[in-house]
Amino acid sequence: MTQYLLSVHHDGTAHDEAPSAEEMSSVFGAVDRFNATLQAEGVWVFAGGLMPIEQATTVDNTGDTPVITDGPFAESKEYLGGFWVIEAADLDAALAWAKEGSKACAERVEVRPFQGV
């Protein structure tokens, strides 16, 4: 089995900025059901939603002195909103799970295998 990262990307459109409480409740319910399915099928490794991009802090310790900056690493309207780590037999199986995850969270999901896992 290979581990895959299914990452949820927000594109900064108005639909990302101000969902209603009802919309959020619906998405959270769908994601909870998807998570339960992943666990029941034995492919679940780990998952998490991230706080808004405004709460990011960037650490750069590549020079002589570490620099800590409030905010995201890259200036972009697109950002990572959450993720799942799953174990799947192959890319096709991971893509099938990503389709369900995308439907549940109502966002695009990127699929990437881990190196050497």
N, C-alpha and C. Protein backbone atom coordinates (compact mmCIF):
# COMPACT_ATOMS: atom_id res chain seq x y z
N MET A 1 0.84 -1.18 0.00
CA MET A 1 0.00 0.00 0.00
C MET A 1 0.89 1.25 0.00
N THR A 2 0.48 2.23 -0.74
CA THR A 2 1.17 3.51 -0.81
C THR A 2 0.37 4.55 -0.06
N GLN A 3 1.06 5.44 0.63
CA GLN A 3 0.37 6.55 1.28
C GLN A 3 0.27 7.72 0.31
N TYR A 4 -0.89 8.36 0.32
CA TYR A 4 -1.17 9.50 -0.54
C TYR A 4 -1.68 10.66 0.30
N LEU A 5 -1.28 11.86 -0.10
CA LEU A 5 -1.81 13.09 0.47
C LEU A 5 -2.93 13.56 -0.43
N LEU A 6 -4.12 13.70 0.13
CA LEU A 6 -5.25 14.30 -0.58
C LEU A 6 -5.40 15.69 0.02
N SER A 7 -4.98 16.71 -0.69
CA SER A 7 -4.98 18.06 -0.14
C SER A 7 -6.11 18.88 -0.74
N VAL A 8 -6.77 19.62 0.14
CA VAL A 8 -7.92 20.44 -0.22
C VAL A 8 -7.44 21.87 -0.45
N HIS A 9 -7.64 22.37 -1.64
CA HIS A 9 -7.18 23.71 -1.99
C HIS A 9 -8.36 24.65 -2.16
N HIS A 10 -8.25 25.80 -1.53
CA HIS A 10 -9.24 26.86 -1.69
C HIS A 10 -8.66 27.87 -2.67
N ASP A 11 -9.50 28.38 -3.54
CA ASP A 11 -9.00 29.29 -4.58
C ASP A 11 -9.25 30.76 -4.29
N GLY A 12 -9.77 31.08 -3.12
CA GLY A 12 -9.96 32.48 -2.75
C GLY A 12 -11.16 33.15 -3.38
N THR A 13 -12.06 32.38 -3.96
CA THR A 13 -13.26 32.97 -4.55
C THR A 13 -14.23 33.36 -3.44
N ALA A 14 -15.23 34.08 -3.79
CA ALA A 14 -16.23 34.53 -2.81
C ALA A 14 -16.87 33.36 -2.08
N HIS A 15 -17.03 32.24 -2.77
CA HIS A 15 -17.66 31.09 -2.12
C HIS A 15 -16.78 30.57 -0.98
N ASP A 16 -15.46 30.77 -1.05
CA ASP A 16 -14.57 30.38 0.05
C ASP A 16 -14.61 31.37 1.19
N GLU A 17 -14.84 32.63 0.90
CA GLU A 17 -14.70 33.68 1.89
C GLU A 17 -15.86 33.78 2.87
N ALA A 18 -17.06 33.53 2.42
CA ALA A 18 -18.19 33.79 3.31
C ALA A 18 -19.30 32.74 3.18
N PRO A 19 -18.98 31.46 3.45
CA PRO A 19 -20.06 30.49 3.40
C PRO A 19 -21.02 30.70 4.57
N SER A 20 -22.27 30.42 4.34
CA SER A 20 -23.26 30.57 5.41
C SER A 20 -23.07 29.46 6.43
N ALA A 21 -23.65 29.63 7.60
CA ALA A 21 -23.59 28.61 8.64
C ALA A 21 -24.23 27.31 8.15
N GLU A 22 -25.31 27.44 7.39
CA GLU A 22 -25.98 26.27 6.85
C GLU A 22 -25.08 25.53 5.86
N GLU A 23 -24.41 26.27 4.98
CA GLU A 23 -23.49 25.65 4.03
C GLU A 23 -22.34 24.95 4.76
N MET A 24 -21.79 25.62 5.75
CA MET A 24 -20.68 25.03 6.51
C MET A 24 -21.13 23.76 7.23
N SER A 25 -22.30 23.78 7.81
CA SER A 25 -22.83 22.62 8.51
C SER A 25 -22.98 21.44 7.55
N SER A 26 -23.47 21.72 6.35
CA SER A 26 -23.66 20.69 5.35
C SER A 26 -22.31 20.08 4.94
N VAL A 27 -21.32 20.94 4.70
CA VAL A 27 -19.99 20.47 4.31
C VAL A 27 -19.36 19.67 5.45
N PHE A 28 -19.43 20.17 6.67
CA PHE A 28 -18.85 19.45 7.81
C PHE A 28 -19.49 18.08 7.97
N GLY A 29 -20.80 18.00 7.78
CA GLY A 29 -21.49 16.71 7.87
C GLY A 29 -21.02 15.75 6.79
N ALA A 30 -20.88 16.25 5.57
CA ALA A 30 -20.43 15.42 4.46
C ALA A 30 -18.99 14.95 4.68
N VAL A 31 -18.14 15.82 5.18
CA VAL A 31 -16.75 15.45 5.46
C VAL A 31 -16.69 14.44 6.60
N ASP A 32 -17.50 14.61 7.63
CA ASP A 32 -17.55 13.63 8.73
C ASP A 32 -17.95 12.25 8.21
N ARG A 33 -18.93 12.22 7.32
CA ARG A 33 -19.35 10.93 6.74
C ARG A 33 -18.24 10.34 5.88
N PHE A 34 -17.55 11.18 5.10
CA PHE A 34 -16.44 10.69 4.27
C PHE A 34 -15.33 10.14 5.17
N ASN A 35 -15.00 10.87 6.24
CA ASN A 35 -13.97 10.39 7.18
C ASN A 35 -14.35 9.04 7.76
N ALA A 36 -15.60 8.87 8.15
CA ALA A 36 -16.06 7.60 8.70
C ALA A 36 -15.92 6.48 7.68
N THR A 37 -16.21 6.77 6.42
CA THR A 37 -16.07 5.77 5.36
C THR A 37 -14.61 5.38 5.18
N LEU A 38 -13.71 6.38 5.15
CA LEU A 38 -12.28 6.09 5.03
C LEU A 38 -11.83 5.17 6.17
N GLN A 39 -12.28 5.46 7.38
CA GLN A 39 -11.89 4.66 8.54
C GLN A 39 -12.47 3.25 8.43
N ALA A 40 -13.73 3.15 8.06
CA ALA A 40 -14.38 1.84 7.94
C ALA A 40 -13.73 0.97 6.87
N GLU A 41 -13.24 1.60 5.80
CA GLU A 41 -12.60 0.86 4.70
C GLU A 41 -11.12 0.57 4.96
N GLY A 42 -10.59 1.09 6.07
CA GLY A 42 -9.21 0.80 6.45
C GLY A 42 -8.14 1.56 5.68
N VAL A 43 -8.51 2.66 5.02
CA VAL A 43 -7.52 3.44 4.26
C VAL A 43 -7.09 4.70 5.01
N TRP A 44 -7.80 5.06 6.06
CA TRP A 44 -7.53 6.27 6.85
C TRP A 44 -6.18 6.16 7.54
N VAL A 45 -5.34 7.19 7.42
CA VAL A 45 -4.12 7.30 8.20
C VAL A 45 -4.24 8.51 9.13
N PHE A 46 -4.59 9.66 8.54
CA PHE A 46 -4.66 10.90 9.32
C PHE A 46 -5.35 11.94 8.46
N ALA A 47 -6.01 12.91 9.09
CA ALA A 47 -6.62 14.00 8.36
C ALA A 47 -6.71 15.22 9.26
N GLY A 48 -6.86 16.37 8.66
CA GLY A 48 -7.02 17.58 9.45
C GLY A 48 -7.42 18.76 8.60
N GLY A 49 -8.19 19.62 9.21
CA GLY A 49 -8.52 20.91 8.61
C GLY A 49 -7.60 21.96 9.20
N LEU A 50 -7.27 22.94 8.42
CA LEU A 50 -6.36 23.99 8.86
C LEU A 50 -7.11 25.28 9.18
N MET A 51 -6.58 26.02 10.12
CA MET A 51 -7.14 27.33 10.45
C MET A 51 -6.97 28.25 9.24
N PRO A 52 -7.67 29.37 9.19
CA PRO A 52 -7.57 30.27 8.04
C PRO A 52 -6.13 30.72 7.78
N ILE A 53 -5.84 31.01 6.54
CA ILE A 53 -4.50 31.40 6.10
C ILE A 53 -3.96 32.60 6.88
N GLU A 54 -4.84 33.45 7.37
CA GLU A 54 -4.41 34.62 8.13
C GLU A 54 -3.73 34.22 9.44
N GLN A 55 -3.89 32.99 9.88
CA GLN A 55 -3.28 32.53 11.12
C GLN A 55 -1.95 31.81 10.89
N ALA A 56 -1.45 31.84 9.65
CA ALA A 56 -0.18 31.19 9.33
C ALA A 56 0.99 32.03 9.85
N THR A 57 2.09 31.34 10.17
CA THR A 57 3.36 31.97 10.51
C THR A 57 4.43 31.24 9.71
N THR A 58 5.34 31.99 9.10
CA THR A 58 6.39 31.41 8.28
C THR A 58 7.74 31.54 8.99
N VAL A 59 8.49 30.44 9.02
CA VAL A 59 9.82 30.41 9.63
C VAL A 59 10.84 30.16 8.52
N ASP A 60 11.84 31.05 8.43
CA ASP A 60 12.92 30.91 7.45
C ASP A 60 14.24 30.88 8.21
N ASN A 61 14.80 29.70 8.34
CA ASN A 61 16.08 29.54 9.02
C ASN A 61 17.14 29.07 8.04
N THR A 62 17.09 29.62 6.81
CA THR A 62 18.05 29.23 5.78
C THR A 62 19.26 30.15 5.74
N GLY A 63 19.22 31.24 6.47
CA GLY A 63 20.34 32.19 6.50
C GLY A 63 21.06 32.14 7.83
N ASP A 64 21.73 33.23 8.15
CA ASP A 64 22.49 33.30 9.40
C ASP A 64 21.60 33.43 10.63
N THR A 65 20.44 34.06 10.46
CA THR A 65 19.53 34.30 11.57
C THR A 65 18.13 33.87 11.17
N PRO A 66 17.43 33.14 12.05
CA PRO A 66 16.05 32.77 11.71
C PRO A 66 15.16 34.01 11.60
N VAL A 67 14.27 33.98 10.63
CA VAL A 67 13.31 35.05 10.44
C VAL A 67 11.91 34.45 10.57
N ILE A 68 11.11 35.00 11.47
CA ILE A 68 9.74 34.54 11.68
C ILE A 68 8.81 35.66 11.25
N THR A 69 7.90 35.33 10.33
CA THR A 69 7.01 36.33 9.74
C THR A 69 5.56 35.89 9.91
N ASP A 70 4.71 36.80 10.34
CA ASP A 70 3.28 36.52 10.38
C ASP A 70 2.78 36.41 8.95
N GLY A 71 1.99 35.40 8.70
CA GLY A 71 1.39 35.25 7.38
C GLY A 71 1.95 34.06 6.63
N PRO A 72 1.34 33.77 5.49
CA PRO A 72 1.73 32.60 4.70
C PRO A 72 3.07 32.79 4.00
N PHE A 73 3.66 31.68 3.57
CA PHE A 73 4.93 31.70 2.86
C PHE A 73 4.81 32.43 1.53
N ALA A 74 3.76 32.13 0.79
CA ALA A 74 3.58 32.71 -0.54
C ALA A 74 2.39 33.66 -0.54
N GLU A 75 2.53 34.77 -1.23
CA GLU A 75 1.42 35.69 -1.43
C GLU A 75 0.54 35.11 -2.54
N SER A 76 -0.62 34.66 -2.18
CA SER A 76 -1.51 34.03 -3.15
C SER A 76 -2.92 34.03 -2.61
N LYS A 77 -3.88 34.07 -3.51
CA LYS A 77 -5.27 33.95 -3.07
C LYS A 77 -5.63 32.48 -2.86
N GLU A 78 -4.83 31.57 -3.41
CA GLU A 78 -5.06 30.14 -3.23
C GLU A 78 -4.29 29.65 -2.00
N TYR A 79 -4.89 28.71 -1.27
CA TYR A 79 -4.22 28.20 -0.08
C TYR A 79 -4.72 26.81 0.28
N LEU A 80 -3.90 26.10 1.06
CA LEU A 80 -4.25 24.78 1.54
C LEU A 80 -5.20 24.90 2.71
N GLY A 81 -6.35 24.23 2.64
CA GLY A 81 -7.35 24.35 3.68
C GLY A 81 -7.44 23.13 4.58
N GLY A 82 -6.98 21.98 4.10
CA GLY A 82 -7.03 20.76 4.89
C GLY A 82 -6.50 19.61 4.07
N PHE A 83 -6.50 18.42 4.66
CA PHE A 83 -5.90 17.29 3.97
C PHE A 83 -6.34 15.97 4.59
N TRP A 84 -6.15 14.92 3.83
CA TRP A 84 -6.25 13.55 4.31
C TRP A 84 -4.96 12.85 3.92
N VAL A 85 -4.48 11.95 4.75
CA VAL A 85 -3.43 11.02 4.40
C VAL A 85 -4.10 9.65 4.40
N ILE A 86 -4.02 8.97 3.26
CA ILE A 86 -4.66 7.67 3.14
C ILE A 86 -3.64 6.65 2.65
N GLU A 87 -3.97 5.37 2.81
CA GLU A 87 -3.21 4.29 2.20
C GLU A 87 -4.09 3.66 1.14
N ALA A 88 -3.56 3.57 -0.07
CA ALA A 88 -4.33 3.00 -1.18
C ALA A 88 -3.44 2.08 -1.99
N ALA A 89 -4.05 1.14 -2.65
CA ALA A 89 -3.31 0.15 -3.42
C ALA A 89 -2.53 0.78 -4.58
N ASP A 90 -3.10 1.83 -5.18
CA ASP A 90 -2.45 2.47 -6.33
C ASP A 90 -3.08 3.85 -6.55
N LEU A 91 -2.56 4.55 -7.56
CA LEU A 91 -3.05 5.89 -7.85
C LEU A 91 -4.53 5.90 -8.20
N ASP A 92 -4.97 4.90 -8.95
CA ASP A 92 -6.39 4.86 -9.33
C ASP A 92 -7.30 4.79 -8.09
N ALA A 93 -6.90 3.99 -7.12
CA ALA A 93 -7.69 3.89 -5.88
C ALA A 93 -7.66 5.22 -5.13
N ALA A 94 -6.49 5.86 -5.08
CA ALA A 94 -6.38 7.16 -4.40
C ALA A 94 -7.24 8.21 -5.11
N LEU A 95 -7.27 8.18 -6.44
CA LEU A 95 -8.09 9.12 -7.19
C LEU A 95 -9.57 8.89 -6.93
N ALA A 96 -9.97 7.64 -6.78
CA ALA A 96 -11.37 7.34 -6.47
C ALA A 96 -11.75 7.94 -5.12
N TRP A 97 -10.86 7.81 -4.12
CA TRP A 97 -11.12 8.42 -2.81
C TRP A 97 -11.14 9.94 -2.93
N ALA A 98 -10.24 10.51 -3.72
CA ALA A 98 -10.19 11.97 -3.88
C ALA A 98 -11.49 12.50 -4.49
N LYS A 99 -12.07 11.75 -5.41
CA LYS A 99 -13.36 12.17 -6.00
C LYS A 99 -14.42 12.29 -4.91
N GLU A 100 -14.45 11.30 -4.01
CA GLU A 100 -15.43 11.35 -2.93
C GLU A 100 -15.12 12.48 -1.95
N GLY A 101 -13.82 12.68 -1.66
CA GLY A 101 -13.43 13.76 -0.76
C GLY A 101 -13.76 15.12 -1.33
N SER A 102 -13.53 15.30 -2.63
CA SER A 102 -13.84 16.56 -3.29
C SER A 102 -15.33 16.85 -3.23
N LYS A 103 -16.13 15.83 -3.44
CA LYS A 103 -17.58 16.00 -3.36
C LYS A 103 -17.99 16.38 -1.94
N ALA A 104 -17.39 15.72 -0.94
CA ALA A 104 -17.75 15.97 0.45
C ALA A 104 -17.39 17.39 0.89
N CYS A 105 -16.19 17.84 0.54
CA CYS A 105 -15.74 19.15 1.04
C CYS A 105 -16.08 20.29 0.09
N ALA A 106 -16.62 19.96 -1.09
CA ALA A 106 -17.03 20.95 -2.09
C ALA A 106 -15.86 21.81 -2.56
N GLU A 107 -14.69 21.20 -2.66
CA GLU A 107 -13.48 21.88 -3.14
C GLU A 107 -12.67 20.92 -4.01
N ARG A 108 -11.67 21.47 -4.70
CA ARG A 108 -10.75 20.64 -5.47
C ARG A 108 -9.82 19.90 -4.51
N VAL A 109 -9.42 18.70 -4.88
CA VAL A 109 -8.52 17.89 -4.07
C VAL A 109 -7.35 17.44 -4.94
N GLU A 110 -6.14 17.74 -4.50
CA GLU A 110 -4.93 17.31 -5.19
C GLU A 110 -4.46 15.99 -4.57
N VAL A 111 -3.99 15.06 -5.41
CA VAL A 111 -3.52 13.75 -4.95
C VAL A 111 -2.03 13.64 -5.24
N ARG A 112 -1.25 13.33 -4.18
CA ARG A 112 0.19 13.15 -4.36
C ARG A 112 0.67 12.00 -3.48
N PRO A 113 1.48 11.09 -4.08
CA PRO A 113 2.04 10.01 -3.28
C PRO A 113 3.21 10.54 -2.43
N PHE A 114 3.41 9.90 -1.28
CA PHE A 114 4.57 10.22 -0.45
C PHE A 114 5.81 9.55 -1.06
N GLN A 115 6.96 10.13 -0.85
CA GLN A 115 8.21 9.56 -1.31
C GLN A 115 8.56 8.34 -0.47
N GLY A 116 8.89 7.25 -1.10
CA GLY A 116 9.44 6.08 -0.44
C GLY A 116 8.63 5.49 0.68
N VAL A 117 7.34 5.75 0.71
CA VAL A 117 6.50 5.17 1.78
C VAL A 117 5.74 3.99 1.23
